[in-house]
N, C-alpha and C. Protein backbone atom coordinates (compact mmCIF):
# COMPACT_ATOMS: atom_id res chain seq x y z
N MET A 1 122.60 329.22 61.92
CA MET A 1 121.88 329.59 63.11
C MET A 1 121.97 331.20 63.26
N ARG A 2 120.91 331.93 63.38
CA ARG A 2 120.94 333.57 63.35
C ARG A 2 121.12 333.82 64.78
N TYR A 3 121.86 335.03 65.01
CA TYR A 3 122.11 335.46 66.52
C TYR A 3 120.96 335.59 67.54
N THR A 4 119.97 335.74 66.87
CA THR A 4 118.87 335.96 67.87
C THR A 4 118.30 334.57 68.39
N LEU A 5 118.72 333.45 67.64
CA LEU A 5 118.36 332.09 68.24
C LEU A 5 119.27 331.63 69.11
N PHE A 6 120.75 331.94 68.84
CA PHE A 6 121.87 331.93 69.72
C PHE A 6 121.63 332.54 71.00
N ALA A 7 121.36 333.63 70.97
CA ALA A 7 121.33 334.43 72.36
C ALA A 7 120.20 333.93 72.85
N LYS A 8 119.01 333.46 72.22
CA LYS A 8 117.94 332.88 73.08
C LYS A 8 117.99 331.55 73.84
N LEU A 9 119.14 330.87 73.03
CA LEU A 9 119.67 329.47 73.63
C LEU A 9 120.34 329.83 75.12
N VAL A 10 121.23 330.74 74.91
CA VAL A 10 122.20 331.19 76.10
C VAL A 10 121.43 331.54 77.12
N HIS A 11 120.39 332.47 76.87
CA HIS A 11 119.76 332.94 78.09
C HIS A 11 118.67 332.06 78.54
N ASP A 12 117.95 331.28 77.88
CA ASP A 12 117.02 330.06 78.45
C ASP A 12 117.96 329.14 79.12
N GLU A 13 119.19 328.83 78.52
CA GLU A 13 119.97 327.85 79.75
C GLU A 13 120.42 328.55 80.74
N PHE A 14 121.16 329.88 80.78
CA PHE A 14 121.79 330.29 81.77
C PHE A 14 121.20 331.59 82.31
N GLY A 15 120.14 332.00 81.93
CA GLY A 15 119.48 333.28 82.51
C GLY A 15 120.17 334.72 81.88
N GLN A 16 119.40 335.56 81.86
CA GLN A 16 119.85 336.95 81.11
C GLN A 16 121.31 337.14 81.65
N ALA A 17 121.31 337.62 82.84
CA ALA A 17 122.34 338.38 83.46
C ALA A 17 123.81 337.34 83.41
N GLN A 18 123.30 335.94 83.83
CA GLN A 18 124.75 335.16 83.90
C GLN A 18 124.82 334.88 82.26
N GLY A 19 123.96 334.50 81.34
CA GLY A 19 124.27 334.54 80.31
C GLY A 19 125.18 335.36 79.57
N GLU A 20 124.94 336.73 79.88
CA GLU A 20 125.57 337.76 79.24
C GLU A 20 127.09 337.59 79.78
N TRP A 21 127.43 337.44 81.11
CA TRP A 21 128.69 337.39 81.50
C TRP A 21 129.30 336.29 81.00
N ILE A 22 128.73 334.81 80.86
CA ILE A 22 129.58 333.85 80.20
C ILE A 22 129.69 334.37 79.05
N LEU A 23 129.21 334.85 77.88
CA LEU A 23 129.46 335.36 76.84
C LEU A 23 130.62 336.28 76.72
N HIS A 24 130.63 337.07 77.62
CA HIS A 24 131.82 338.17 77.44
C HIS A 24 133.08 337.85 78.37
N SER A 25 133.08 336.93 79.09
CA SER A 25 134.18 336.57 80.04
C SER A 25 134.88 334.97 80.20
N HIS A 26 133.91 333.95 79.81
CA HIS A 26 134.15 332.55 79.80
C HIS A 26 135.20 332.32 78.55
N VAL A 27 135.99 331.94 78.50
CA VAL A 27 137.12 331.41 77.58
C VAL A 27 136.92 330.23 77.38
N LEU A 28 136.64 329.71 75.96
CA LEU A 28 136.03 328.63 75.65
C LEU A 28 137.35 327.68 75.78
N ALA A 29 137.38 326.40 76.28
CA ALA A 29 138.55 325.77 76.20
C ALA A 29 139.07 325.26 74.82
N ALA A 30 138.33 324.68 73.81
CA ALA A 30 138.69 324.48 72.58
C ALA A 30 139.33 325.56 71.48
N HIS A 31 138.93 327.09 71.94
CA HIS A 31 139.09 328.01 71.14
C HIS A 31 140.16 328.83 71.63
N GLY A 32 140.29 329.12 72.98
CA GLY A 32 141.11 330.16 73.82
C GLY A 32 140.58 331.52 73.65
N LYS A 33 139.20 331.49 73.23
CA LYS A 33 138.65 333.00 73.22
C LYS A 33 137.16 332.97 73.85
N THR A 34 136.43 334.07 73.96
CA THR A 34 135.35 334.03 74.80
C THR A 34 134.31 333.83 73.52
N ALA A 35 133.05 333.79 73.97
CA ALA A 35 132.04 333.28 72.87
C ALA A 35 131.76 334.76 72.12
N ASN A 36 131.84 335.54 72.66
CA ASN A 36 131.70 337.18 71.81
C ASN A 36 132.84 337.50 71.07
N GLU A 37 133.95 337.07 71.42
CA GLU A 37 134.96 337.05 70.47
C GLU A 37 135.06 336.32 69.35
N LEU A 38 134.64 334.97 69.49
CA LEU A 38 134.31 333.97 68.31
C LEU A 38 133.19 334.82 67.45
N VAL A 39 131.98 335.16 68.23
CA VAL A 39 131.13 335.74 67.09
C VAL A 39 131.52 336.69 66.39
N GLU A 40 132.27 337.62 66.98
CA GLU A 40 133.14 338.89 66.48
C GLU A 40 133.69 338.53 65.44
N ASP A 41 134.14 337.42 65.66
CA ASP A 41 135.40 336.97 64.41
C ASP A 41 134.66 336.21 63.39
N GLY A 42 133.28 336.14 63.37
CA GLY A 42 132.39 335.41 62.29
C GLY A 42 132.50 334.11 62.29
N GLU A 43 132.60 333.22 63.46
CA GLU A 43 132.66 331.80 63.55
C GLU A 43 131.34 331.58 63.37
N ASP A 44 131.03 330.16 63.10
CA ASP A 44 129.44 329.53 62.95
C ASP A 44 128.93 329.64 64.51
N LEU A 45 127.65 330.25 64.82
CA LEU A 45 127.14 330.39 65.87
C LEU A 45 126.73 328.95 66.65
N LYS A 46 126.35 328.26 65.56
CA LYS A 46 125.86 326.81 66.21
C LYS A 46 127.32 326.03 66.78
N GLN A 47 128.24 326.13 66.31
CA GLN A 47 129.45 325.60 66.87
C GLN A 47 129.84 326.40 68.40
N VAL A 48 129.84 327.81 68.07
CA VAL A 48 129.97 328.46 69.39
C VAL A 48 129.02 327.95 70.26
N TRP A 49 127.73 327.75 70.01
CA TRP A 49 126.79 327.27 71.11
C TRP A 49 127.08 325.90 71.64
N GLU A 50 127.40 324.94 70.46
CA GLU A 50 127.94 323.23 70.98
C GLU A 50 129.12 323.58 71.79
N THR A 51 130.02 324.47 71.50
CA THR A 51 131.32 324.32 72.35
C THR A 51 131.08 325.12 73.61
N LEU A 52 130.23 326.11 73.93
CA LEU A 52 129.58 326.24 75.34
C LEU A 52 128.77 325.34 75.72
N CYS A 53 128.06 324.56 75.39
CA CYS A 53 127.42 323.45 75.70
C CYS A 53 128.28 322.43 76.28
N ASP A 54 129.53 322.30 75.59
CA ASP A 54 130.37 321.02 75.96
C ASP A 54 131.07 321.85 77.12
N ASP A 55 131.54 322.88 77.15
CA ASP A 55 132.33 323.36 78.46
C ASP A 55 131.38 323.34 79.73
N PHE A 56 130.14 323.74 79.67
CA PHE A 56 129.46 323.66 80.50
C PHE A 56 128.42 322.20 80.91
N ARG A 57 128.94 321.52 80.04
CA ARG A 57 128.20 320.05 80.32
C ARG A 57 126.82 320.03 80.46
N ILE A 58 126.42 320.82 79.35
CA ILE A 58 125.05 320.88 79.08
C ILE A 58 124.35 319.57 78.35
N PRO A 59 123.50 318.83 78.95
CA PRO A 59 122.99 317.60 78.18
C PRO A 59 122.25 317.57 77.01
N ALA A 60 122.64 316.75 76.18
CA ALA A 60 121.94 316.93 74.90
C ALA A 60 120.51 317.31 74.89
N GLU A 61 119.69 316.93 75.76
CA GLU A 61 118.34 317.22 75.62
C GLU A 61 118.02 318.77 75.82
N ARG A 62 119.11 319.53 76.34
CA ARG A 62 118.81 320.88 76.84
C ARG A 62 119.28 321.73 75.64
N ARG A 63 119.92 321.04 74.58
CA ARG A 63 121.18 321.91 73.67
C ARG A 63 120.11 322.68 72.45
N LEU A 64 119.02 322.05 72.39
CA LEU A 64 117.98 322.61 71.39
C LEU A 64 117.14 323.87 72.03
N GLY A 65 117.19 324.17 73.35
CA GLY A 65 116.21 325.26 73.95
C GLY A 65 115.32 324.68 74.50
N GLN A 66 114.32 325.51 75.48
CA GLN A 66 113.44 325.38 75.71
C GLN A 66 112.08 324.90 74.76
N ASP A 67 111.34 323.68 75.52
CA ASP A 67 110.14 323.61 74.79
C ASP A 67 109.24 324.73 75.03
N THR A 68 108.42 325.14 73.79
CA THR A 68 107.35 326.49 74.44
C THR A 68 106.27 326.31 73.68
N ASP A 69 105.65 324.86 73.38
CA ASP A 69 104.77 324.55 72.90
C ASP A 69 103.50 324.28 74.05
N LYS A 70 103.72 324.41 75.08
CA LYS A 70 102.87 324.16 76.36
C LYS A 70 101.94 325.37 76.76
């Protein structure tokens, strides 16, 4: 996953401002670090996204982003 897709998924799900806040302040339960720290450490972006989804109980049908074919 590229960072642009990761950022889009975060912003689509949480909104721009709240998404940015979550990335730099929410400590992911499974890792003990924020998403931004994990990204800086070179962690797989798909795994970081999945962990965010788990922490915030995002249902499976919303984990792939918004449908833009409309």
